[in-house]
Amino acid sequence: MTGSGCSRMSDPWLRIEVLDGPVPARDWRSAHAEALVTAAIADRAVRWHWRESGRGVVLEVAFRTEQIRDEFRDQLAVKAALDAVPDPRHGLNVVPGGGD
């Protein structure tokens, strides 16, 4: 799933990596992708994409400003999805950056 908006290389990205745990990260994605993308659209995301890594899944989202990116991260729906990752102790990395 990819956003159709136009983004610039300078747009602030957020990278969310979810690693496999007792259940595969792709199952987490199936359960939470719609809520995360809906939250991203509500916060004016300009682009997003999902990909699978050898260890889990990655969602990268671009916003127009760092403030908007940070507001997305603070949404209750986003926090709830991140709290539900398969391995909450070692299986979540959320960092600024990412993109094509």
PDB file of N, CA and C in Angstrom:
ATOM      1  N   MET A   1       0.858  -1.166   0.000  1.00  0.00           N
ATOM      2  CA  MET A   1       0.000   0.000   0.000  1.00  0.00           C
ATOM      3  C   MET A   1       0.905   1.230   0.000  1.00  0.00           C
ATOM      4  N   THR A   2       0.676   2.100  -0.929  1.00  0.00           N
ATOM      5  CA  THR A   2       1.504   3.287  -1.051  1.00  0.00           C
ATOM      6  C   THR A   2       0.622   4.508  -1.197  1.00  0.00           C
ATOM      7  N   GLY A   3       1.006   5.572  -0.527  1.00  0.00           N
ATOM      8  CA  GLY A   3       0.274   6.821  -0.655  1.00  0.00           C
ATOM      9  C   GLY A   3       0.493   7.408  -2.025  1.00  0.00           C
ATOM     10  N   SER A   4      -0.476   8.117  -2.506  1.00  0.00           N
ATOM     11  CA  SER A   4      -0.393   8.657  -3.855  1.00  0.00           C
ATOM     12  C   SER A   4       0.090  10.093  -3.890  1.00  0.00           C
ATOM     13  N   GLY A   5       0.340  10.670  -2.731  1.00  0.00           N
ATOM     14  CA  GLY A   5       0.768  12.058  -2.709  1.00  0.00           C
ATOM     15  C   GLY A   5       2.171  12.232  -3.242  1.00  0.00           C
ATOM     16  N   CYS A   6       2.494  13.434  -3.578  1.00  0.00           N
ATOM     17  CA  CYS A   6       3.826  13.769  -4.047  1.00  0.00           C
ATOM     18  C   CYS A   6       4.672  14.185  -2.851  1.00  0.00           C
ATOM     19  N   SER A   7       5.844  13.616  -2.731  1.00  0.00           N
ATOM     20  CA  SER A   7       6.710  14.005  -1.622  1.00  0.00           C
ATOM     21  C   SER A   7       8.045  14.485  -2.161  1.00  0.00           C
ATOM     22  N   ARG A   8       8.709  15.237  -1.334  1.00  0.00           N
ATOM     23  CA  ARG A   8      10.040  15.725  -1.666  1.00  0.00           C
ATOM     24  C   ARG A   8      11.039  14.964  -0.810  1.00  0.00           C
ATOM     25  N   MET A   9      12.271  14.886  -1.252  1.00  0.00           N
ATOM     26  CA  MET A   9      13.307  14.214  -0.465  1.00  0.00           C
ATOM     27  C   MET A   9      13.449  14.862   0.902  1.00  0.00           C
ATOM     28  N   SER A  10      13.114  16.147   1.013  1.00  0.00           N
ATOM     29  CA  SER A  10      13.278  16.853   2.282  1.00  0.00           C
ATOM     30  C   SER A  10      12.100  16.651   3.233  1.00  0.00           C
ATOM     31  N   ASP A  11      11.021  15.995   2.772  1.00  0.00           N
ATOM     32  CA  ASP A  11       9.894  15.750   3.666  1.00  0.00           C
ATOM     33  C   ASP A  11      10.349  14.874   4.826  1.00  0.00           C
ATOM     34  N   PRO A  12       9.941  15.204   6.043  1.00  0.00           N
ATOM     35  CA  PRO A  12      10.321  14.391   7.198  1.00  0.00           C
ATOM     36  C   PRO A  12       9.622  13.026   7.174  1.00  0.00           C
ATOM     37  N   TRP A  13      10.405  11.991   7.232  1.00  0.00           N
ATOM     38  CA  TRP A  13       9.900  10.627   7.228  1.00  0.00           C
ATOM     39  C   TRP A  13       9.927  10.064   8.640  1.00  0.00           C
ATOM     40  N   LEU A  14       9.074   9.080   8.866  1.00  0.00           N
ATOM     41  CA  LEU A  14       9.104   8.289  10.089  1.00  0.00           C
ATOM     42  C   LEU A  14       9.164   6.829   9.664  1.00  0.00           C
ATOM     43  N   ARG A  15      10.092   6.103  10.254  1.00  0.00           N
ATOM     44  CA  ARG A  15      10.274   4.680   9.937  1.00  0.00           C
ATOM     45  C   ARG A  15       9.854   3.857  11.144  1.00  0.00           C
ATOM     46  N   ILE A  16       8.897   2.954  10.935  1.00  0.00           N
ATOM     47  CA  ILE A  16       8.414   2.058  11.985  1.00  0.00           C
ATOM     48  C   ILE A  16       8.761   0.639  11.556  1.00  0.00           C
ATOM     49  N   GLU A  17       9.675   0.017  12.283  1.00  0.00           N
ATOM     50  CA  GLU A  17      10.065  -1.361  11.999  1.00  0.00           C
ATOM     51  C   GLU A  17       9.527  -2.254  13.109  1.00  0.00           C
ATOM     52  N   VAL A  18       8.786  -3.274  12.719  1.00  0.00           N
ATOM     53  CA  VAL A  18       8.220  -4.233  13.663  1.00  0.00           C
ATOM     54  C   VAL A  18       8.824  -5.596  13.346  1.00  0.00           C
ATOM     55  N   LEU A  19       9.457  -6.177  14.348  1.00  0.00           N
ATOM     56  CA  LEU A  19      10.131  -7.458  14.165  1.00  0.00           C
ATOM     57  C   LEU A  19       9.223  -8.612  14.564  1.00  0.00           C
ATOM     58  N   ASP A  20       9.489  -9.757  13.959  1.00  0.00           N
ATOM     59  CA  ASP A  20       8.759 -10.962  14.322  1.00  0.00           C
ATOM     60  C   ASP A  20       8.978 -11.275  15.794  1.00  0.00           C
ATOM     61  N   GLY A  21       7.977 -11.852  16.402  1.00  0.00           N
ATOM     62  CA  GLY A  21       8.042 -12.294  17.794  1.00  0.00           C
ATOM     63  C   GLY A  21       7.360 -13.640  17.887  1.00  0.00           C
ATOM     64  N   PRO A  22       6.577 -13.853  18.935  1.00  0.00           N
ATOM     65  CA  PRO A  22       5.825 -15.103  19.040  1.00  0.00           C
ATOM     66  C   PRO A  22       4.870 -15.313  17.858  1.00  0.00           C
ATOM     67  N   VAL A  23       4.437 -14.219  17.245  1.00  0.00           N
ATOM     68  CA  VAL A  23       3.662 -14.279  15.997  1.00  0.00           C
ATOM     69  C   VAL A  23       4.400 -13.439  14.959  1.00  0.00           C
ATOM     70  N   PRO A  24       4.226 -13.741  13.682  1.00  0.00           N
ATOM     71  CA  PRO A  24       4.914 -12.968  12.649  1.00  0.00           C
ATOM     72  C   PRO A  24       4.455 -11.504  12.624  1.00  0.00           C
ATOM     73  N   ALA A  25       5.373 -10.625  12.315  1.00  0.00           N
ATOM     74  CA  ALA A  25       5.053  -9.199  12.211  1.00  0.00           C
ATOM     75  C   ALA A  25       4.034  -8.943  11.104  1.00  0.00           C
ATOM     76  N   ARG A  26       4.015  -9.775  10.086  1.00  0.00           N
ATOM     77  CA  ARG A  26       3.024  -9.574   9.012  1.00  0.00           C
ATOM     78  C   ARG A  26       1.599  -9.746   9.543  1.00  0.00           C
ATOM     79  N   ASP A  27       1.410 -10.575  10.584  1.00  0.00           N
ATOM     80  CA  ASP A  27       0.086 -10.690  11.205  1.00  0.00           C
ATOM     81  C   ASP A  27      -0.280  -9.392  11.925  1.00  0.00           C
ATOM     82  N   TRP A  28       0.716  -8.781  12.580  1.00  0.00           N
ATOM     83  CA  TRP A  28       0.504  -7.477  13.228  1.00  0.00           C
ATOM     84  C   TRP A  28       0.106  -6.454  12.168  1.00  0.00           C
ATOM     85  N   ARG A  29       0.815  -6.475  11.034  1.00  0.00           N
ATOM     86  CA  ARG A  29       0.488  -5.544   9.946  1.00  0.00           C
ATOM     87  C   ARG A  29      -0.951  -5.742   9.481  1.00  0.00           C
ATOM     88  N   SER A  30      -1.361  -6.980   9.301  1.00  0.00           N
ATOM     89  CA  SER A  30      -2.737  -7.252   8.865  1.00  0.00           C
ATOM     90  C   SER A  30      -3.759  -6.675   9.837  1.00  0.00           C
ATOM     91  N   ALA A  31      -3.438  -6.742  11.115  1.00  0.00           N
ATOM     92  CA  ALA A  31      -4.369  -6.261  12.138  1.00  0.00           C
ATOM     93  C   ALA A  31      -4.369  -4.744  12.287  1.00  0.00           C
ATOM     94  N   HIS A  32      -3.245  -4.078  11.999  1.00  0.00           N
ATOM     95  CA  HIS A  32      -3.111  -2.656  12.335  1.00  0.00           C
ATOM     96  C   HIS A  32      -2.836  -1.726  11.149  1.00  0.00           C
ATOM     97  N   ALA A  33      -2.638  -2.256   9.963  1.00  0.00           N
ATOM     98  CA  ALA A  33      -2.288  -1.410   8.815  1.00  0.00           C
ATOM     99  C   ALA A  33      -3.353  -0.362   8.525  1.00  0.00           C
ATOM    100  N   GLU A  34      -4.604  -0.765   8.534  1.00  0.00           N
ATOM    101  CA  GLU A  34      -5.672   0.189   8.205  1.00  0.00           C
ATOM    102  C   GLU A  34      -5.710   1.347   9.197  1.00  0.00           C
ATOM    103  N   ALA A  35      -5.593   1.052  10.487  1.00  0.00           N
ATOM    104  CA  ALA A  35      -5.616   2.115  11.505  1.00  0.00           C
ATOM    105  C   ALA A  35      -4.417   3.042  11.353  1.00  0.00           C
ATOM    106  N   LEU A  36      -3.243   2.488  11.062  1.00  0.00           N
ATOM    107  CA  LEU A  36      -2.045   3.320  10.913  1.00  0.00           C
ATOM    108  C   LEU A  36      -2.132   4.209   9.676  1.00  0.00           C
ATOM    109  N   VAL A  37      -2.578   3.651   8.572  1.00  0.00           N
ATOM    110  CA  VAL A  37      -2.686   4.449   7.345  1.00  0.00           C
ATOM    111  C   VAL A  37      -3.780   5.501   7.488  1.00  0.00           C
ATOM    112  N   THR A  38      -4.887   5.147   8.115  1.00  0.00           N
ATOM    113  CA  THR A  38      -5.951   6.129   8.362  1.00  0.00           C
ATOM    114  C   THR A  38      -5.431   7.279   9.217  1.00  0.00           C
ATOM    115  N   ALA A  39      -4.660   6.961  10.253  1.00  0.00           N
ATOM    116  CA  ALA A  39      -4.071   8.002  11.102  1.00  0.00           C
ATOM    117  C   ALA A  39      -3.084   8.850  10.308  1.00  0.00           C
ATOM    118  N   ALA A  40      -2.304   8.220   9.448  1.00  0.00           N
ATOM    119  CA  ALA A  40      -1.339   8.965   8.633  1.00  0.00           C
ATOM    120  C   ALA A  40      -2.058   9.929   7.689  1.00  0.00           C
ATOM    121  N   ILE A  41      -3.112   9.462   7.061  1.00  0.00           N
ATOM    122  CA  ILE A  41      -3.879  10.328   6.156  1.00  0.00           C
ATOM    123  C   ILE A  41      -4.502  11.485   6.933  1.00  0.00           C
ATOM    124  N   ALA A  42      -5.030  11.192   8.115  1.00  0.00           N
ATOM    125  CA  ALA A  42      -5.622  12.252   8.944  1.00  0.00           C
ATOM    126  C   ALA A  42      -4.586  13.302   9.324  1.00  0.00           C
ATOM    127  N   ASP A  43      -3.330  12.881   9.462  1.00  0.00           N
ATOM    128  CA  ASP A  43      -2.257  13.818   9.790  1.00  0.00           C
ATOM    129  C   ASP A  43      -1.531  14.322   8.541  1.00  0.00           C
ATOM    130  N   ARG A  44      -2.199  14.212   7.405  1.00  0.00           N
ATOM    131  CA  ARG A  44      -1.697  14.792   6.158  1.00  0.00           C
ATOM    132  C   ARG A  44      -0.394  14.155   5.673  1.00  0.00           C
ATOM    133  N   ALA A  45      -0.291  12.850   5.777  1.00  0.00           N
ATOM    134  CA  ALA A  45       0.870  12.167   5.205  1.00  0.00           C
ATOM    135  C   ALA A  45       0.894  12.423   3.701  1.00  0.00           C
ATOM    136  N   VAL A  46       2.077  12.602   3.155  1.00  0.00           N
ATOM    137  CA  VAL A  46       2.197  12.836   1.720  1.00  0.00           C
ATOM    138  C   VAL A  46       2.610  11.573   0.978  1.00  0.00           C
ATOM    139  N   ARG A  47       3.121  10.600   1.713  1.00  0.00           N
ATOM    140  CA  ARG A  47       3.539   9.345   1.088  1.00  0.00           C
ATOM    141  C   ARG A  47       3.756   8.315   2.180  1.00  0.00           C
ATOM    142  N   TRP A  48       3.493   7.067   1.862  1.00  0.00           N
ATOM    143  CA  TRP A  48       3.793   5.972   2.783  1.00  0.00           C
ATOM    144  C   TRP A  48       3.967   4.694   1.978  1.00  0.00           C
ATOM    145  N   HIS A  49       4.703   3.792   2.539  1.00  0.00           N
ATOM    146  CA  HIS A  49       4.802   2.466   1.932  1.00  0.00           C
ATOM    147  C   HIS A  49       5.182   1.435   2.990  1.00  0.00           C
ATOM    148  N   TRP A  50       4.735   0.232   2.742  1.00  0.00           N
ATOM    149  CA  TRP A  50       5.036  -0.925   3.576  1.00  0.00           C
ATOM    150  C   TRP A  50       6.019  -1.807   2.818  1.00  0.00           C
ATOM    151  N   ARG A  51       6.856  -2.497   3.555  1.00  0.00           N
ATOM    152  CA  ARG A  51       7.689  -3.528   2.942  1.00  0.00           C
ATOM    153  C   ARG A  51       7.988  -4.588   3.993  1.00  0.00           C
ATOM    154  N   GLU A  52       8.291  -5.761   3.522  1.00  0.00           N
ATOM    155  CA  GLU A  52       8.701  -6.826   4.427  1.00  0.00           C
ATOM    156  C   GLU A  52      10.212  -6.889   4.423  1.00  0.00           C
ATOM    157  N   SER A  53      10.768  -7.098   5.599  1.00  0.00           N
ATOM    158  CA  SER A  53      12.203  -7.322   5.717  1.00  0.00           C
ATOM    159  C   SER A  53      12.385  -8.790   6.083  1.00  0.00           C
ATOM    160  N   GLY A  54      13.586  -9.228   6.178  1.00  0.00           N
ATOM    161  CA  GLY A  54      13.839 -10.607   6.564  1.00  0.00           C
ATOM    162  C   GLY A  54      13.444 -10.903   7.995  1.00  0.00           C
ATOM    163  N   ARG A  55      13.232  -9.848   8.777  1.00  0.00           N
ATOM    164  CA  ARG A  55      12.940 -10.028  10.203  1.00  0.00           C
ATOM    165  C   ARG A  55      11.576  -9.515  10.616  1.00  0.00           C
ATOM    166  N   GLY A  56      10.828  -8.912   9.697  1.00  0.00           N
ATOM    167  CA  GLY A  56       9.534  -8.351  10.069  1.00  0.00           C
ATOM    168  C   GLY A  56       8.980  -7.464   8.971  1.00  0.00           C
ATOM    169  N   VAL A  57       8.348  -6.358   9.380  1.00  0.00           N
ATOM    170  CA  VAL A  57       7.751  -5.419   8.428  1.00  0.00           C
ATOM    171  C   VAL A  57       8.190  -3.996   8.764  1.00  0.00           C
ATOM    172  N   VAL A  58       8.157  -3.149   7.744  1.00  0.00           N
ATOM    173  CA  VAL A  58       8.547  -1.750   7.904  1.00  0.00           C
ATOM    174  C   VAL A  58       7.480  -0.872   7.258  1.00  0.00           C
ATOM    175  N   LEU A  59       7.059   0.144   7.990  1.00  0.00           N
ATOM    176  CA  LEU A  59       6.184   1.192   7.457  1.00  0.00           C
ATOM    177  C   LEU A  59       6.978   2.485   7.477  1.00  0.00           C
ATOM    178  N   GLU A  60       7.051   3.141   6.325  1.00  0.00           N
ATOM    179  CA  GLU A  60       7.694   4.450   6.239  1.00  0.00           C
ATOM    180  C   GLU A  60       6.652   5.456   5.770  1.00  0.00           C
ATOM    181  N   VAL A  61       6.584   6.576   6.489  1.00  0.00           N
ATOM    182  CA  VAL A  61       5.572   7.598   6.218  1.00  0.00           C
ATOM    183  C   VAL A  61       6.260   8.956   6.122  1.00  0.00           C
ATOM    184  N   ALA A  62       5.917   9.740   5.095  1.00  0.00           N
ATOM    185  CA  ALA A  62       6.458  11.091   4.932  1.00  0.00           C
ATOM    186  C   ALA A  62       5.369  12.114   5.232  1.00  0.00           C
ATOM    187  N   PHE A  63       5.777  13.184   5.902  1.00  0.00           N
ATOM    188  CA  PHE A  63       4.883  14.292   6.246  1.00  0.00           C
ATOM    189  C   PHE A  63       5.506  15.588   5.746  1.00  0.00           C
ATOM    190  N   ARG A  64       4.724  16.650   5.711  1.00  0.00           N
ATOM    191  CA  ARG A  64       5.235  17.944   5.242  1.00  0.00           C
ATOM    192  C   ARG A  64       6.184  18.602   6.244  1.00  0.00           C
ATOM    193  N   THR A  65       5.934  18.385   7.531  1.00  0.00           N
ATOM    194  CA  THR A  65       6.779  19.019   8.549  1.00  0.00           C
ATOM    195  C   THR A  65       7.109  18.018   9.650  1.00  0.00           C
ATOM    196  N   GLU A  66       8.152  18.311  10.406  1.00  0.00           N
ATOM    197  CA  GLU A  66       8.507  17.478  11.551  1.00  0.00           C
ATOM    198  C   GLU A  66       7.413  17.516  12.611  1.00  0.00           C
ATOM    199  N   GLN A  67       6.775  18.660  12.781  1.00  0.00           N
ATOM    200  CA  GLN A  67       5.703  18.777  13.767  1.00  0.00           C
ATOM    201  C   GLN A  67       4.548  17.832  13.427  1.00  0.00           C
ATOM    202  N   ILE A  68       4.164  17.791  12.171  1.00  0.00           N
ATOM    203  CA  ILE A  68       3.086  16.887  11.759  1.00  0.00           C
ATOM    204  C   ILE A  68       3.515  15.438  11.975  1.00  0.00           C
ATOM    205  N   ARG A  69       4.756  15.116  11.642  1.00  0.00           N
ATOM    206  CA  ARG A  69       5.277  13.760  11.875  1.00  0.00           C
ATOM    207  C   ARG A  69       5.166  13.389  13.348  1.00  0.00           C
ATOM    208  N   ASP A  70       5.557  14.304  14.223  1.00  0.00           N
ATOM    209  CA  ASP A  70       5.521  14.035  15.658  1.00  0.00           C
ATOM    210  C   ASP A  70       4.087  13.912  16.176  1.00  0.00           C
ATOM    211  N   GLU A  71       3.170  14.700  15.615  1.00  0.00           N
ATOM    212  CA  GLU A  71       1.758  14.590  15.999  1.00  0.00           C
ATOM    213  C   GLU A  71       1.202  13.218  15.622  1.00  0.00           C
ATOM    214  N   PHE A  72       1.601  12.711  14.470  1.00  0.00           N
ATOM    215  CA  PHE A  72       1.182  11.365  14.063  1.00  0.00           C
ATOM    216  C   PHE A  72       1.638  10.337  15.095  1.00  0.00           C
ATOM    217  N   ARG A  73       2.870  10.425  15.489  1.00  0.00           N
ATOM    218  CA  ARG A  73       3.439   9.466  16.450  1.00  0.00           C
ATOM    219  C   ARG A  73       2.698   9.501  17.783  1.00  0.00           C
ATOM    220  N   ASP A  74       2.129  10.654  18.126  1.00  0.00           N
ATOM    221  CA  ASP A  74       1.441  10.811  19.410  1.00  0.00           C
ATOM    222  C   ASP A  74      -0.049  10.456  19.367  1.00  0.00           C
ATOM    223  N   GLN A  75      -0.579  10.099  18.199  1.00  0.00           N
ATOM    224  CA  GLN A  75      -1.999   9.738  18.111  1.00  0.00           C
ATOM    225  C   GLN A  75      -2.275   8.464  18.911  1.00  0.00           C
ATOM    226  N   LEU A  76      -3.434   8.414  19.552  1.00  0.00           N
ATOM    227  CA  LEU A  76      -3.804   7.239  20.350  1.00  0.00           C
ATOM    228  C   LEU A  76      -3.852   5.965  19.513  1.00  0.00           C
ATOM    229  N   ALA A  77      -4.372   6.040  18.297  1.00  0.00           N
ATOM    230  CA  ALA A  77      -4.446   4.854  17.442  1.00  0.00           C
ATOM    231  C   ALA A  77      -3.057   4.329  17.095  1.00  0.00           C
ATOM    232  N   VAL A  78      -2.126   5.236  16.879  1.00  0.00           N
ATOM    233  CA  VAL A  78      -0.752   4.836  16.572  1.00  0.00           C
ATOM    234  C   VAL A  78      -0.111   4.208  17.806  1.00  0.00           C
ATOM    235  N   LYS A  79      -0.279   4.845  18.952  1.00  0.00           N
ATOM    236  CA  LYS A  79       0.273   4.282  20.190  1.00  0.00           C
ATOM    237  C   LYS A  79      -0.299   2.898  20.467  1.00  0.00           C
ATOM    238  N   ALA A  80      -1.600   2.721  20.253  1.00  0.00           N
ATOM    239  CA  ALA A  80      -2.228   1.418  20.491  1.00  0.00           C
ATOM    240  C   ALA A  80      -1.653   0.351  19.560  1.00  0.00           C
ATOM    241  N   ALA A  81      -1.460   0.695  18.297  1.00  0.00           N
ATOM    242  CA  ALA A  81      -0.885  -0.265  17.352  1.00  0.00           C
ATOM    243  C   ALA A  81       0.542  -0.630  17.743  1.00  0.00           C
ATOM    244  N   LEU A  82       1.319   0.368  18.144  1.00  0.00           N
ATOM    245  CA  LEU A  82       2.709   0.098  18.518  1.00  0.00           C
ATOM    246  C   LEU A  82       2.797  -0.688  19.818  1.00  0.00           C
ATOM    247  N   ASP A  83       1.840  -0.490  20.702  1.00  0.00           N
ATOM    248  CA  ASP A  83       1.809  -1.268  21.946  1.00  0.00           C
ATOM    249  C   ASP A  83       1.492  -2.738  21.690  1.00  0.00           C
ATOM    250  N   ALA A  84       0.934  -3.043  20.527  1.00  0.00           N
ATOM    251  CA  ALA A  84       0.493  -4.404  20.222  1.00  0.00           C
ATOM    252  C   ALA A  84       1.477  -5.196  19.360  1.00  0.00           C
ATOM    253  N   VAL A  85       2.710  -4.706  19.190  1.00  0.00           N
ATOM    254  CA  VAL A  85       3.672  -5.430  18.354  1.00  0.00           C
ATOM    255  C   VAL A  85       3.957  -6.810  18.944  1.00  0.00           C
ATOM    256  N   PRO A  86       4.362  -7.775  18.102  1.00  0.00           N
ATOM    257  CA  PRO A  86       4.588  -9.138  18.580  1.00  0.00           C
ATOM    258  C   PRO A  86       5.640  -9.265  19.686  1.00  0.00           C
ATOM    259  N   ASP A  87       6.669  -8.433  19.652  1.00  0.00           N
ATOM    260  CA  ASP A  87       7.724  -8.485  20.669  1.00  0.00           C
ATOM    261  C   ASP A  87       7.934  -7.073  21.216  1.00  0.00           C
ATOM    262  N   PRO A  88       7.148  -6.673  22.236  1.00  0.00           N
ATOM    263  CA  PRO A  88       7.214  -5.289  22.714  1.00  0.00           C
ATOM    264  C   PRO A  88       8.552  -4.906  23.346  1.00  0.00           C
ATOM    265  N   ARG A  89       9.323  -5.854  23.813  1.00  0.00           N
ATOM    266  CA  ARG A  89      10.609  -5.527  24.457  1.00  0.00           C
ATOM    267  C   ARG A  89      11.721  -5.269  23.455  1.00  0.00           C
ATOM    268  N   HIS A  90      11.752  -6.066  22.380  1.00  0.00           N
ATOM    269  CA  HIS A  90      12.879  -5.971  21.449  1.00  0.00           C
ATOM    270  C   HIS A  90      12.467  -5.851  19.988  1.00  0.00           C
ATOM    271  N   GLY A  91      11.170  -5.795  19.728  1.00  0.00           N
ATOM    272  CA  GLY A  91      10.721  -5.897  18.349  1.00  0.00           C
ATOM    273  C   GLY A  91      10.124  -4.655  17.744  1.00  0.00           C
ATOM    274  N   LEU A  92      10.500  -3.479  18.250  1.00  0.00           N
ATOM    275  CA  LEU A  92       9.951  -2.237  17.706  1.00  0.00           C
ATOM    276  C   LEU A  92      11.039  -1.182  17.632  1.00  0.00           C
ATOM    277  N   ASN A  93      11.198  -0.621  16.446  1.00  0.00           N
ATOM    278  CA  ASN A  93      12.105   0.506  16.240  1.00  0.00           C
ATOM    279  C   ASN A  93      11.323   1.602  15.527  1.00  0.00           C
ATOM    280  N   VAL A  94      11.231   2.763  16.158  1.00  0.00           N
ATOM    281  CA  VAL A  94      10.551   3.914  15.560  1.00  0.00           C
ATOM    282  C   VAL A  94      11.567   5.046  15.519  1.00  0.00           C
ATOM    283  N   VAL A  95      11.938   5.443  14.304  1.00  0.00           N
ATOM    284  CA  VAL A  95      12.981   6.460  14.161  1.00  0.00           C
ATOM    285  C   VAL A  95      12.623   7.436  13.043  1.00  0.00           C
ATOM    286  N   PRO A  96      13.044   8.690  13.191  1.00  0.00           N
ATOM    287  CA  PRO A  96      12.910   9.616  12.071  1.00  0.00           C
ATOM    288  C   PRO A  96      13.779   9.117  10.918  1.00  0.00           C
ATOM    289  N   GLY A  97      13.302   9.319   9.725  1.00  0.00           N
ATOM    290  CA  GLY A  97      14.076   8.899   8.565  1.00  0.00           C
ATOM    291  C   GLY A  97      13.337   7.840   7.781  1.00  0.00           C
ATOM    292  N   GLY A  98      13.946   7.432   6.699  1.00  0.00           N
ATOM    293  CA  GLY A  98      13.345   6.436   5.823  1.00  0.00           C
ATOM    294  C   GLY A  98      13.102   7.045   4.466  1.00  0.00           C
ATOM    295  N   GLY A  99      12.185   6.473   3.757  1.00  0.00           N
ATOM    296  CA  GLY A  99      11.848   6.988   2.438  1.00  0.00           C
ATOM    297  C   GLY A  99      12.560   6.245   1.341  1.00  0.00           C
ATOM    298  N   ASP A 100      12.267   6.682   0.140  1.00  0.00           N
ATOM    299  CA  ASP A 100      12.796   6.005  -1.050  1.00  0.00           C
ATOM    300  C   ASP A 100      14.272   6.199  -1.204  1.00  0.00           C
TER     301      ASP A 100
END
